[in-house]
C-alpha atoms as a PDB file:
ATOM      1  CA  THR A   1       0.000   0.000   0.000  1.00  0.00           C
ATOM      2  CA  ALA A   2       3.022   2.297  -0.015  1.00  0.00           C
ATOM      3  CA  SER A   3       2.272   3.165  -3.655  1.00  0.00           C
ATOM      4  CA  LYS A   4      -0.943   4.878  -2.503  1.00  0.00           C
ATOM      5  CA  LYS A   5       0.822   6.944   0.149  1.00  0.00           C
ATOM      6  CA  THR A   6       1.921   9.791  -2.125  1.00  0.00           C
ATOM      7  CA  GLY A   7      -0.199  12.627  -0.730  1.00  0.00           C
ATOM      8  CA  GLU A   8       1.166  15.779   0.838  1.00  0.00           C
ATOM      9  CA  THR A   9       0.631  14.520   4.403  1.00  0.00           C
ATOM     10  CA  TRP A  10       2.726  11.396   3.747  1.00  0.00           C
ATOM     11  CA  VAL A  11       5.470  13.288   1.920  1.00  0.00           C
ATOM     12  CA  SER A  12       5.711  15.879   4.706  1.00  0.00           C
ATOM     13  CA  GLY A  13       5.646  13.193   7.407  1.00  0.00           C
ATOM     14  CA  ARG A  14       2.418  14.389   9.052  1.00  0.00           C
ATOM     15  CA  ALA A  15       0.196  11.435   8.124  1.00  0.00           C
ATOM     16  CA  VAL A  16       0.336   9.617  11.463  1.00  0.00           C
ATOM     17  CA  GLU A  17      -0.328  12.815  13.372  1.00  0.00           C
ATOM     18  CA  ALA A  18      -3.212  13.718  11.044  1.00  0.00           C
ATOM     19  CA  VAL A  19      -4.967  10.371  11.419  1.00  0.00           C
ATOM     20  CA  LEU A  20      -4.512  10.399  15.192  1.00  0.00           C
ATOM     21  CA  HIS A  21      -6.460  13.668  15.319  1.00  0.00           C
ATOM     22  CA  LEU A  22      -9.505  11.970  13.757  1.00  0.00           C
ATOM     23  CA  PRO A  23     -11.762  10.790  16.610  1.00  0.00           C
ATOM     24  CA  GLN A  24     -13.350   8.014  14.531  1.00  0.00           C
ATOM     25  CA  TYR A  25      -9.939   6.342  14.077  1.00  0.00           C
ATOM     26  CA  SER A  26      -7.924   7.262  17.177  1.00  0.00           C
ATOM     27  CA  ARG A  27      -7.784   4.859  20.085  1.00  0.00           C
ATOM     28  CA  GLU A  28      -7.151   6.492  23.423  1.00  0.00           C
ATOM     29  CA  PRO A  29      -4.941   6.770  25.444  1.00  0.00           C
ATOM     30  CA  MET A  30      -2.163   5.834  22.995  1.00  0.00           C
ATOM     31  CA  ALA A  31      -3.357   8.220  20.269  1.00  0.00           C
ATOM     32  CA  GLY A  32      -3.383  11.124  22.726  1.00  0.00           C
ATOM     33  CA  LEU A  33       0.154  10.321  23.854  1.00  0.00           C
ATOM     34  CA  LEU A  34       1.484  10.084  20.310  1.00  0.00           C
ATOM     35  CA  VAL A  35      -0.129  13.368  19.229  1.00  0.00           C
ATOM     36  CA  GLN A  36       1.842  15.136  21.954  1.00  0.00           C
ATOM     37  CA  LEU A  37       5.086  13.910  20.348  1.00  0.00           C
ATOM     38  CA  PRO A  38       5.172  15.373  16.803  1.00  0.00           C
ATOM     39  CA  LEU A  39       8.751  14.252  16.166  1.00  0.00           C
ATOM     40  CA  LEU A  40       7.813  10.640  16.942  1.00  0.00           C
ATOM     41  CA  CYS A  41       4.747  10.932  14.676  1.00  0.00           C
ATOM     42  CA  HIS A  42       7.002  12.194  11.870  1.00  0.00           C
ATOM     43  CA  LEU A  43       9.379   9.281  12.491  1.00  0.00           C
ATOM     44  CA  LEU A  44       6.501   6.772  12.460  1.00  0.00           C
ATOM     45  CA  SER A  45       5.148   8.202   9.187  1.00  0.00           C
ATOM     46  CA  SER A  46       8.549   7.841   7.538  1.00  0.00           C
ATOM     47  CA  ALA A  47       9.103   4.379   9.012  1.00  0.00           C
ATOM     48  CA  THR A  48       5.693   3.235   7.767  1.00  0.00           C
ATOM     49  CA  LEU A  49       6.559   4.324   4.238  1.00  0.00           C
ATOM     50  CA  TRP A  50       9.938   2.588   4.286  1.00  0.00           C
ATOM     51  CA  VAL A  51       8.644  -0.637   5.818  1.00  0.00           C
ATOM     52  CA  GLU A  52       5.788  -0.849   3.328  1.00  0.00           C
ATOM     53  CA  ARG A  53       8.027   0.013   0.365  1.00  0.00           C
ATOM     54  CA  CYS A  54      10.997  -2.210   1.141  1.00  0.00           C
ATOM     55  CA  GLY A  55      10.183  -4.536   4.037  1.00  0.00           C
ATOM     56  CA  TRP A  56       8.233  -7.068   2.005  1.00  0.00           C
ATOM     57  CA  CYS A  57      11.418  -7.953   0.084  1.00  0.00           C
ATOM     58  CA  LEU A  58      12.813  -9.514   3.254  1.00  0.00           C
ATOM     59  CA  ALA A  59       9.977 -12.052   3.271  1.00  0.00           C
ATOM     60  CA  PHE A  60      11.138 -13.522  -0.047  1.00  0.00           C
ATOM     61  CA  MET A  61      14.789 -13.923   0.864  1.00  0.00           C
ATOM     62  CA  PRO A  62      15.973 -17.482   1.491  1.00  0.00           C
ATOM     63  CA  PHE A  63      17.510 -16.534   4.840  1.00  0.00           C
ATOM     64  CA  SER A  64      15.729 -17.235   8.115  1.00  0.00           C
ATOM     65  CA  ARG A  65      16.947 -14.007   9.689  1.00  0.00           C
ATOM     66  CA  ALA A  66      15.652 -11.904   6.803  1.00  0.00           C
ATOM     67  CA  ARG A  67      12.202 -13.515   7.075  1.00  0.00           C
ATOM     68  CA  LEU A  68      12.306 -13.036  10.835  1.00  0.00           C
ATOM     69  CA  ALA A  69      13.169  -9.347  10.286  1.00  0.00           C
ATOM     70  CA  ALA A  70      10.144  -9.013   7.966  1.00  0.00           C
ATOM     71  CA  LEU A  71       7.949 -10.648  10.588  1.00  0.00           C
ATOM     72  CA  VAL A  72       9.232  -8.297  13.307  1.00  0.00           C
ATOM     73  CA  LEU A  73       8.905  -5.174  11.116  1.00  0.00           C
ATOM     74  CA  PHE A  74       5.389  -5.863   9.928  1.00  0.00           C
ATOM     75  CA  GLY A  75       4.302  -7.335  13.254  1.00  0.00           C
ATOM     76  CA  GLY A  76       5.489  -4.162  14.970  1.00  0.00           C
ATOM     77  CA  LEU A  77       3.770  -2.007  12.358  1.00  0.00           C
ATOM     78  CA  HIS A  78       0.429  -3.752  12.808  1.00  0.00           C
ATOM     79  CA  PHE A  79       0.758  -4.025  16.581  1.00  0.00           C
ATOM     80  CA  GLY A  80       1.424  -0.282  16.734  1.00  0.00           C
ATOM     81  CA  MET A  81      -1.613   0.369  14.561  1.00  0.00           C
ATOM     82  CA  ASN A  82      -3.690  -1.767  16.897  1.00  0.00           C
ATOM     83  CA  LEU A  83      -2.534   0.273  19.909  1.00  0.00           C
ATOM     84  CA  ALA A  84      -3.318   3.699  18.440  1.00  0.00           C
ATOM     85  CA  LEU A  85      -5.955   3.217  15.715  1.00  0.00           C
ATOM     86  CA  ARG A  86      -9.395   1.712  15.318  1.00  0.00           C
ATOM     87  CA  VAL A  87      -9.490  -0.064  11.988  1.00  0.00           C
ATOM     88  CA  GLY A  88     -11.483  -3.167  12.871  1.00  0.00           C
ATOM     89  CA  ASN A  89      -9.947  -6.614  12.579  1.00  0.00           C
ATOM     90  CA  PHE A  90      -7.392  -5.560   9.996  1.00  0.00           C
ATOM     91  CA  GLN A  91      -4.385  -6.005  12.293  1.00  0.00           C
ATOM     92  CA  LEU A  92      -5.489  -9.489  13.386  1.00  0.00           C
ATOM     93  CA  PHE A  93      -5.645 -10.740   9.816  1.00  0.00           C
ATOM     94  CA  ALA A  94      -2.509  -8.899   8.718  1.00  0.00           C
ATOM     95  CA  MET A  95      -0.405 -10.269  11.575  1.00  0.00           C
ATOM     96  CA  SER A  96      -1.709 -13.802  11.048  1.00  0.00           C
ATOM     97  CA  ALA A  97      -0.814 -13.584   7.355  1.00  0.00           C
ATOM     98  CA  TRP A  98       2.789 -12.812   8.270  1.00  0.00           C
ATOM     99  CA  LEU A  99       3.062 -16.123  10.143  1.00  0.00           C
ATOM    100  CA  VAL A 100       3.725 -17.677   6.740  1.00  0.00           C
ATOM    101  CA  VAL A 101       7.240 -16.195   6.693  1.00  0.00           C
ATOM    102  CA  THR A 102       8.092 -17.304  10.221  1.00  0.00           C
ATOM    103  CA  PRO A 103      11.185 -19.510  10.016  1.00  0.00           C
ATOM    104  CA  PRO A 104      10.558 -23.101  11.181  1.00  0.00           C
ATOM    105  CA  SER A 105      13.362 -22.825  13.726  1.00  0.00           C
ATOM    106  CA  VAL A 106      11.518 -19.971  15.443  1.00  0.00           C
ATOM    107  CA  LEU A 107       8.249 -21.916  15.449  1.00  0.00           C
ATOM    108  CA  ASN A 108      10.021 -24.966  16.862  1.00  0.00           C
ATOM    109  CA  SER A 109      11.544 -22.861  19.632  1.00  0.00           C
ATOM    110  CA  ILE A 110       8.164 -21.341  20.477  1.00  0.00           C
ATOM    111  CA  GLN A 111       6.552 -24.761  20.511  1.00  0.00           C
ATOM    112  CA  VAL A 112       9.199 -26.219  22.807  1.00  0.00           C
ATOM    113  CA  TRP A 113       8.823 -23.237  25.115  1.00  0.00           C
ATOM    114  CA  LEU A 114       5.002 -23.281  25.168  1.00  0.00           C
ATOM    115  CA  LEU A 115       4.278 -26.977  24.837  1.00  0.00           C
ATOM    116  CA  PRO A 116       7.257 -29.007  26.067  1.00  0.00           C
ATOM    117  CA  TRP A 117       5.073 -32.045  26.820  1.00  0.00           C
ATOM    118  CA  ALA A 118       3.719 -32.137  23.238  1.00  0.00           C
ATOM    119  CA  TRP A 119       7.190 -31.875  21.713  1.00  0.00           C
ATOM    120  CA  MET A 120       8.522 -34.823  23.728  1.00  0.00           C
ATOM    121  CA  ARG A 121       5.666 -37.084  22.610  1.00  0.00           C
ATOM    122  CA  HIS A 122       6.871 -37.182  19.028  1.00  0.00           C
ATOM    123  CA  ARG A 123       9.376 -39.817  18.102  1.00  0.00           C
ATOM    124  CA  ALA A 124      12.583 -38.678  16.459  1.00  0.00           C
ATOM    125  CA  PRO A 125      11.862 -37.817  12.791  1.00  0.00           C
ATOM    126  CA  THR A 126      14.278 -38.291   9.946  1.00  0.00           C
ATOM    127  CA  LYS A 127      16.433 -35.358   8.887  1.00  0.00           C
ATOM    128  CA  PHE A 128      14.385 -34.833   5.705  1.00  0.00           C
ATOM    129  CA  ALA A 129      11.070 -34.919   7.547  1.00  0.00           C
ATOM    130  CA  GLU A 130      12.375 -32.579  10.237  1.00  0.00           C
ATOM    131  CA  ALA A 131      13.622 -30.092   7.666  1.00  0.00           C
ATOM    132  CA  HIS A 132      10.286 -29.992   5.794  1.00  0.00           C
ATOM    133  CA  ARG A 133       7.837 -30.288   8.656  1.00  0.00           C
ATOM    134  CA  ARG A 134       5.995 -27.334  10.141  1.00  0.00           C
ATOM    135  CA  PRO A 135       5.304 -27.776  13.854  1.00  0.00           C
ATOM    136  CA  PRO A 136       1.690 -28.198  14.981  1.00  0.00           C
ATOM    137  CA  LEU A 137       1.919 -24.813  16.690  1.00  0.00           C
ATOM    138  CA  VAL A 138       1.247 -23.164  13.312  1.00  0.00           C
ATOM    139  CA  ARG A 139      -2.069 -24.996  13.090  1.00  0.00           C
ATOM    140  CA  VAL A 140      -2.942 -24.104  16.676  1.00  0.00           C
ATOM    141  CA  ILE A 141      -2.174 -20.414  16.116  1.00  0.00           C
ATOM    142  CA  GLY A 142      -4.185 -20.467  12.895  1.00  0.00           C
ATOM    143  CA  TRP A 143      -7.219 -21.983  14.614  1.00  0.00           C
ATOM    144  CA  VAL A 144      -7.000 -19.570  17.551  1.00  0.00           C
ATOM    145  CA  LEU A 145      -6.790 -16.544  15.245  1.00  0.00           C
ATOM    146  CA  THR A 146      -9.658 -17.848  13.118  1.00  0.00           C
ATOM    147  CA  ILE A 147     -11.877 -18.362  16.157  1.00  0.00           C
ATOM    148  CA  MET A 148     -10.970 -14.919  17.504  1.00  0.00           C
ATOM    149  CA  ALA A 149     -11.782 -13.327  14.158  1.00  0.00           C
ATOM    150  CA  LEU A 150     -15.142 -15.083  13.996  1.00  0.00           C
ATOM    151  CA  LEU A 151     -15.997 -14.012  17.547  1.00  0.00           C
ATOM    152  CA  LEU A 152     -15.063 -10.404  16.827  1.00  0.00           C
ATOM    153  CA  MET A 153     -17.284 -10.159  13.758  1.00  0.00           C
END
């Protein structure tokens, strides 16, 4: 969506501040705090443009750390939007879509941390199967996000 952000407010860096002044979109108290910091709003406007213009390229790189960087950048972008703006369920769906680029090693670590008993139940897989297998945590997260989205509708 960075291609649509060519207006004067985006170019001047006042877009975040401008949208936070709109009562139908601002979510208090975070919006009120951000409006009091115009330099931070300018920084967030510029960062939004750069992340949306260039950040998606990281998701297509064959390196786990690059995909993890894309996940962190866009996750932070959408989490920040959720804190300060009211735009419905957009952030929920956007953040769940970025789970696709999560490196398997990160998902395995999260699964071991959250569900150590489930991880130990599995017998030792072959190297090929381990390299190409997504942990069940992805399915669990997908179901939880789907149920949350349906309940919020």
